[in-house]
Amino acid sequence: LEQKADAKKHKMMKALGKAFITPIEREDLVAISNYLDDIMDSIEDVLIEIHICGIDEIRNDILEMIDLLTENISALMDVLSELKDFKHSKKIEEYIIRVNDLEEEGDRLYVRNMKKLYDNKDAWLVVSWRSIYAGLENCMDQCEHAADAVSMVIMKNS
């Protein structure tokens, strides 16, 4: 999936290079594209960490973070779907706020899960899962960065 996302980004960059006029400044489109790429890279990093650490059983508290990340990505998709007509959208600001709220919820889950993890005395378990939790929290941060970039585009073009 990460390679497919990279291919789409390269296709977009090629189209931007050929476009005479773009509805949004090229730099802004590139910035948003880079944040989306960072999300995909961060998700891939989490999966690689799970593989490297040989995790064969998922902790229940991680499932809550994954559900929240899925919800956050869905909210970001709503933001991006409204971007094409942002000047007339009645929902885009609401969607951006939703992404930010979900990221804050992700911060709370991260702290709660890390605290619970450090109650464990198994060093290997702590080291392995610490990176996974941090990676998921980073994914949510990247969603917020992408939504913030869209917010800046709206501000610049309003």
C-alpha atoms as a PDB file:
ATOM      1  CA  LEU A   1       0.000   0.000   0.000  1.00  0.00           C
ATOM      2  CA  GLU A   2       2.849   2.353   0.814  1.00  0.00           C
ATOM      3  CA  GLN A   3       4.370   1.765  -2.636  1.00  0.00           C
ATOM      4  CA  LYS A   4       0.991   2.418  -4.301  1.00  0.00           C
ATOM      5  CA  ALA A   5       0.728   5.671  -2.339  1.00  0.00           C
ATOM      6  CA  ASP A   6       4.236   6.645  -3.469  1.00  0.00           C
ATOM      7  CA  ALA A   7       3.267   5.938  -7.084  1.00  0.00           C
ATOM      8  CA  LYS A   8       0.196   8.185  -6.753  1.00  0.00           C
ATOM      9  CA  LYS A   9       2.326  10.923  -5.243  1.00  0.00           C
ATOM     10  CA  HIS A  10       4.789  10.709  -8.148  1.00  0.00           C
ATOM     11  CA  LYS A  11       1.889  10.831 -10.616  1.00  0.00           C
ATOM     12  CA  MET A  12       0.530  13.939  -8.886  1.00  0.00           C
ATOM     13  CA  MET A  13       3.966  15.590  -8.894  1.00  0.00           C
ATOM     14  CA  LYS A  14       4.312  14.910 -12.618  1.00  0.00           C
ATOM     15  CA  ALA A  15       0.860  16.403 -13.286  1.00  0.00           C
ATOM     16  CA  LEU A  16       1.718  19.455 -11.155  1.00  0.00           C
ATOM     17  CA  GLY A  17       4.877  19.952 -13.161  1.00  0.00           C
ATOM     18  CA  LYS A  18       2.896  20.040 -16.398  1.00  0.00           C
ATOM     19  CA  ALA A  19      -0.030  22.148 -15.144  1.00  0.00           C
ATOM     20  CA  PHE A  20      -0.012  25.748 -16.271  1.00  0.00           C
ATOM     21  CA  ILE A  21      -2.405  26.946 -13.554  1.00  0.00           C
ATOM     22  CA  THR A  22      -3.397  25.105 -10.394  1.00  0.00           C
ATOM     23  CA  PRO A  23      -6.408  25.911  -8.184  1.00  0.00           C
ATOM     24  CA  ILE A  24      -4.146  25.880  -5.135  1.00  0.00           C
ATOM     25  CA  GLU A  25      -0.484  26.875  -5.073  1.00  0.00           C
ATOM     26  CA  ARG A  26       1.842  24.068  -6.066  1.00  0.00           C
ATOM     27  CA  GLU A  27       3.803  24.380  -2.824  1.00  0.00           C
ATOM     28  CA  ASP A  28       0.652  23.834  -0.792  1.00  0.00           C
ATOM     29  CA  LEU A  29      -0.357  20.780  -2.802  1.00  0.00           C
ATOM     30  CA  VAL A  30       3.154  19.371  -2.415  1.00  0.00           C
ATOM     31  CA  ALA A  31       3.075  20.019   1.352  1.00  0.00           C
ATOM     32  CA  ILE A  32      -0.265  18.239   1.750  1.00  0.00           C
ATOM     33  CA  SER A  33       0.994  15.388  -0.419  1.00  0.00           C
ATOM     34  CA  ASN A  34       4.123  15.098   1.731  1.00  0.00           C
ATOM     35  CA  TYR A  35       2.040  14.895   4.910  1.00  0.00           C
ATOM     36  CA  LEU A  36      -0.090  12.149   3.375  1.00  0.00           C
ATOM     37  CA  ASP A  37       3.098  10.316   2.421  1.00  0.00           C
ATOM     38  CA  ASP A  38       4.336  10.718   6.000  1.00  0.00           C
ATOM     39  CA  ILE A  39       1.125   9.063   7.254  1.00  0.00           C
ATOM     40  CA  MET A  40       1.677   6.062   4.986  1.00  0.00           C
ATOM     41  CA  ASP A  41       5.349   5.862   5.961  1.00  0.00           C
ATOM     42  CA  SER A  42       4.439   6.016   9.659  1.00  0.00           C
ATOM     43  CA  ILE A  43       1.899   3.223   9.315  1.00  0.00           C
ATOM     44  CA  GLU A  44       4.465   1.134   7.471  1.00  0.00           C
ATOM     45  CA  ASP A  45       6.995   1.857  10.252  1.00  0.00           C
ATOM     46  CA  VAL A  46       4.559   0.497  12.859  1.00  0.00           C
ATOM     47  CA  LEU A  47       4.012  -2.683  10.859  1.00  0.00           C
ATOM     48  CA  ILE A  48       7.750  -3.130  10.357  1.00  0.00           C
ATOM     49  CA  GLU A  49       8.291  -2.673  14.107  1.00  0.00           C
ATOM     50  CA  ILE A  50       5.679  -5.353  14.850  1.00  0.00           C
ATOM     51  CA  HIS A  51       7.449  -7.675  12.413  1.00  0.00           C
ATOM     52  CA  ILE A  52      10.975  -6.944  13.671  1.00  0.00           C
ATOM     53  CA  CYS A  53       9.968  -7.457  17.301  1.00  0.00           C
ATOM     54  CA  GLY A  54       8.312 -10.754  16.441  1.00  0.00           C
ATOM     55  CA  ILE A  55       5.011  -9.693  17.944  1.00  0.00           C
ATOM     56  CA  ASP A  56       2.596 -12.581  17.582  1.00  0.00           C
ATOM     57  CA  GLU A  57      -0.088 -11.413  19.981  1.00  0.00           C
ATOM     58  CA  ILE A  58      -1.669  -7.977  19.857  1.00  0.00           C
ATOM     59  CA  ARG A  59      -2.366  -6.213  23.134  1.00  0.00           C
ATOM     60  CA  ASN A  60      -5.974  -5.152  23.654  1.00  0.00           C
ATOM     61  CA  ASP A  61      -5.055  -1.521  24.348  1.00  0.00           C
ATOM     62  CA  ILE A  62      -3.376  -1.260  20.956  1.00  0.00           C
ATOM     63  CA  LEU A  63      -6.677  -2.122  19.269  1.00  0.00           C
ATOM     64  CA  GLU A  64      -8.225   1.020  20.722  1.00  0.00           C
ATOM     65  CA  MET A  65      -5.382   3.090  19.255  1.00  0.00           C
ATOM     66  CA  ILE A  66      -5.785   1.391  15.872  1.00  0.00           C
ATOM     67  CA  ASP A  67      -9.535   2.082  15.888  1.00  0.00           C
ATOM     68  CA  LEU A  68      -8.828   5.720  16.734  1.00  0.00           C
ATOM     69  CA  LEU A  69      -6.211   5.986  13.973  1.00  0.00           C
ATOM     70  CA  THR A  70      -8.703   4.513  11.490  1.00  0.00           C
ATOM     71  CA  GLU A  71     -11.270   7.080  12.581  1.00  0.00           C
ATOM     72  CA  ASN A  72      -8.668   9.848  12.286  1.00  0.00           C
ATOM     73  CA  ILE A  73      -7.729   8.813   8.752  1.00  0.00           C
ATOM     74  CA  SER A  74     -11.412   8.688   7.827  1.00  0.00           C
ATOM     75  CA  ALA A  75     -11.893  12.223   9.189  1.00  0.00           C
ATOM     76  CA  LEU A  76      -8.855  13.364   7.199  1.00  0.00           C
ATOM     77  CA  MET A  77     -10.358  11.800   4.072  1.00  0.00           C
ATOM     78  CA  ASP A  78     -13.453  13.921   4.734  1.00  0.00           C
ATOM     79  CA  VAL A  79     -11.224  17.011   4.922  1.00  0.00           C
ATOM     80  CA  LEU A  80      -9.527  16.134   1.650  1.00  0.00           C
ATOM     81  CA  SER A  81     -12.810  15.363  -0.113  1.00  0.00           C
ATOM     82  CA  GLU A  82     -13.980  18.896   0.732  1.00  0.00           C
ATOM     83  CA  LEU A  83     -10.708  20.512  -0.366  1.00  0.00           C
ATOM     84  CA  LYS A  84     -11.687  20.620  -4.045  1.00  0.00           C
ATOM     85  CA  ASP A  85     -14.500  23.058  -3.211  1.00  0.00           C
ATOM     86  CA  PHE A  86     -13.198  24.488   0.072  1.00  0.00           C
ATOM     87  CA  LYS A  87     -14.441  28.009  -0.641  1.00  0.00           C
ATOM     88  CA  HIS A  88     -18.043  26.782  -0.635  1.00  0.00           C
ATOM     89  CA  SER A  89     -17.720  23.923   1.843  1.00  0.00           C
ATOM     90  CA  LYS A  90     -19.824  24.145   4.957  1.00  0.00           C
ATOM     91  CA  LYS A  91     -18.129  21.098   6.508  1.00  0.00           C
ATOM     92  CA  ILE A  92     -14.376  21.355   5.958  1.00  0.00           C
ATOM     93  CA  GLU A  93     -13.639  23.338   9.137  1.00  0.00           C
ATOM     94  CA  GLU A  94     -15.725  20.872  11.144  1.00  0.00           C
ATOM     95  CA  TYR A  95     -13.744  17.984   9.659  1.00  0.00           C
ATOM     96  CA  ILE A  96     -10.414  19.682  10.413  1.00  0.00           C
ATOM     97  CA  ILE A  97     -11.479  20.185  14.022  1.00  0.00           C
ATOM     98  CA  ARG A  98     -12.499  16.513  14.160  1.00  0.00           C
ATOM     99  CA  VAL A  99      -9.015  15.428  13.042  1.00  0.00           C
ATOM    100  CA  ASN A 100      -7.448  17.652  15.722  1.00  0.00           C
ATOM    101  CA  ASP A 101      -9.815  16.297  18.401  1.00  0.00           C
ATOM    102  CA  LEU A 102      -9.007  12.709  17.430  1.00  0.00           C
ATOM    103  CA  GLU A 103      -5.282  13.451  17.590  1.00  0.00           C
ATOM    104  CA  GLU A 104      -5.729  14.804  21.130  1.00  0.00           C
ATOM    105  CA  GLU A 105      -7.624  11.641  22.058  1.00  0.00           C
ATOM    106  CA  GLY A 106      -4.696   9.713  20.584  1.00  0.00           C
ATOM    107  CA  ASP A 107      -2.322  11.608  22.883  1.00  0.00           C
ATOM    108  CA  ARG A 108      -4.432  10.620  25.894  1.00  0.00           C
ATOM    109  CA  LEU A 109      -4.528   6.968  24.817  1.00  0.00           C
ATOM    110  CA  TYR A 110      -0.772   6.996  24.232  1.00  0.00           C
ATOM    111  CA  VAL A 111      -0.061   8.309  27.730  1.00  0.00           C
ATOM    112  CA  ARG A 112      -2.510   5.880  29.324  1.00  0.00           C
ATOM    113  CA  ASN A 113      -1.129   2.908  27.409  1.00  0.00           C
ATOM    114  CA  MET A 114       2.490   3.840  28.069  1.00  0.00           C
ATOM    115  CA  LYS A 115       1.790   4.164  31.785  1.00  0.00           C
ATOM    116  CA  LYS A 116       0.171   0.745  31.798  1.00  0.00           C
ATOM    117  CA  LEU A 117       3.041  -0.692  29.748  1.00  0.00           C
ATOM    118  CA  TYR A 118       5.658   0.589  32.190  1.00  0.00           C
ATOM    119  CA  ASP A 119       3.864  -1.204  35.012  1.00  0.00           C
ATOM    120  CA  ASN A 120       5.136  -4.384  33.352  1.00  0.00           C
ATOM    121  CA  LYS A 121       8.511  -5.687  34.510  1.00  0.00           C
ATOM    122  CA  ASP A 122       9.338  -7.551  31.289  1.00  0.00           C
ATOM    123  CA  ALA A 123      11.984  -5.322  29.635  1.00  0.00           C
ATOM    124  CA  TRP A 124      11.634  -6.910  26.183  1.00  0.00           C
ATOM    125  CA  LEU A 125       7.887  -6.343  26.228  1.00  0.00           C
ATOM    126  CA  VAL A 126       8.308  -2.720  27.318  1.00  0.00           C
ATOM    127  CA  VAL A 127      10.939  -1.934  24.672  1.00  0.00           C
ATOM    128  CA  SER A 128       8.978  -3.614  21.871  1.00  0.00           C
ATOM    129  CA  TRP A 129       5.615  -2.078  22.603  1.00  0.00           C
ATOM    130  CA  ARG A 130       6.983   1.350  23.468  1.00  0.00           C
ATOM    131  CA  SER A 131       8.091   1.785  19.857  1.00  0.00           C
ATOM    132  CA  ILE A 132       4.762   0.522  18.535  1.00  0.00           C
ATOM    133  CA  TYR A 133       2.735   2.867  20.726  1.00  0.00           C
ATOM    134  CA  ALA A 134       4.986   5.785  19.780  1.00  0.00           C
ATOM    135  CA  GLY A 135       4.635   4.881  16.116  1.00  0.00           C
ATOM    136  CA  LEU A 136       0.845   4.873  16.271  1.00  0.00           C
ATOM    137  CA  GLU A 137       0.847   8.170  18.118  1.00  0.00           C
ATOM    138  CA  ASN A 138       3.118   9.553  15.377  1.00  0.00           C
ATOM    139  CA  CYS A 139       0.603   8.401  12.741  1.00  0.00           C
ATOM    140  CA  MET A 140      -2.083  10.442  14.462  1.00  0.00           C
ATOM    141  CA  ASP A 141       0.256  13.441  14.664  1.00  0.00           C
ATOM    142  CA  GLN A 142       0.823  13.167  10.912  1.00  0.00           C
ATOM    143  CA  CYS A 143      -2.953  13.226  10.321  1.00  0.00           C
ATOM    144  CA  GLU A 144      -3.151  16.441  12.332  1.00  0.00           C
ATOM    145  CA  HIS A 145      -0.269  17.970  10.346  1.00  0.00           C
ATOM    146  CA  ALA A 146      -2.056  17.191   7.079  1.00  0.00           C
ATOM    147  CA  ALA A 147      -5.305  18.736   8.347  1.00  0.00           C
ATOM    148  CA  ASP A 148      -3.386  21.791   9.558  1.00  0.00           C
ATOM    149  CA  ALA A 149      -1.814  22.153   6.094  1.00  0.00           C
ATOM    150  CA  VAL A 150      -5.311  22.159   4.567  1.00  0.00           C
ATOM    151  CA  SER A 151      -6.339  24.772   7.119  1.00  0.00           C
ATOM    152  CA  MET A 152      -3.419  26.958   6.000  1.00  0.00           C
ATOM    153  CA  VAL A 153      -4.490  26.569   2.362  1.00  0.00           C
ATOM    154  CA  ILE A 154      -7.985  27.733   3.293  1.00  0.00           C
ATOM    155  CA  MET A 155      -6.589  30.717   5.160  1.00  0.00           C
ATOM    156  CA  LYS A 156      -4.260  31.700   2.315  1.00  0.00           C
ATOM    157  CA  ASN A 157      -6.973  31.409  -0.307  1.00  0.00           C
ATOM    158  CA  SER A 158      -9.920  32.966   1.487  1.00  0.00           C
END
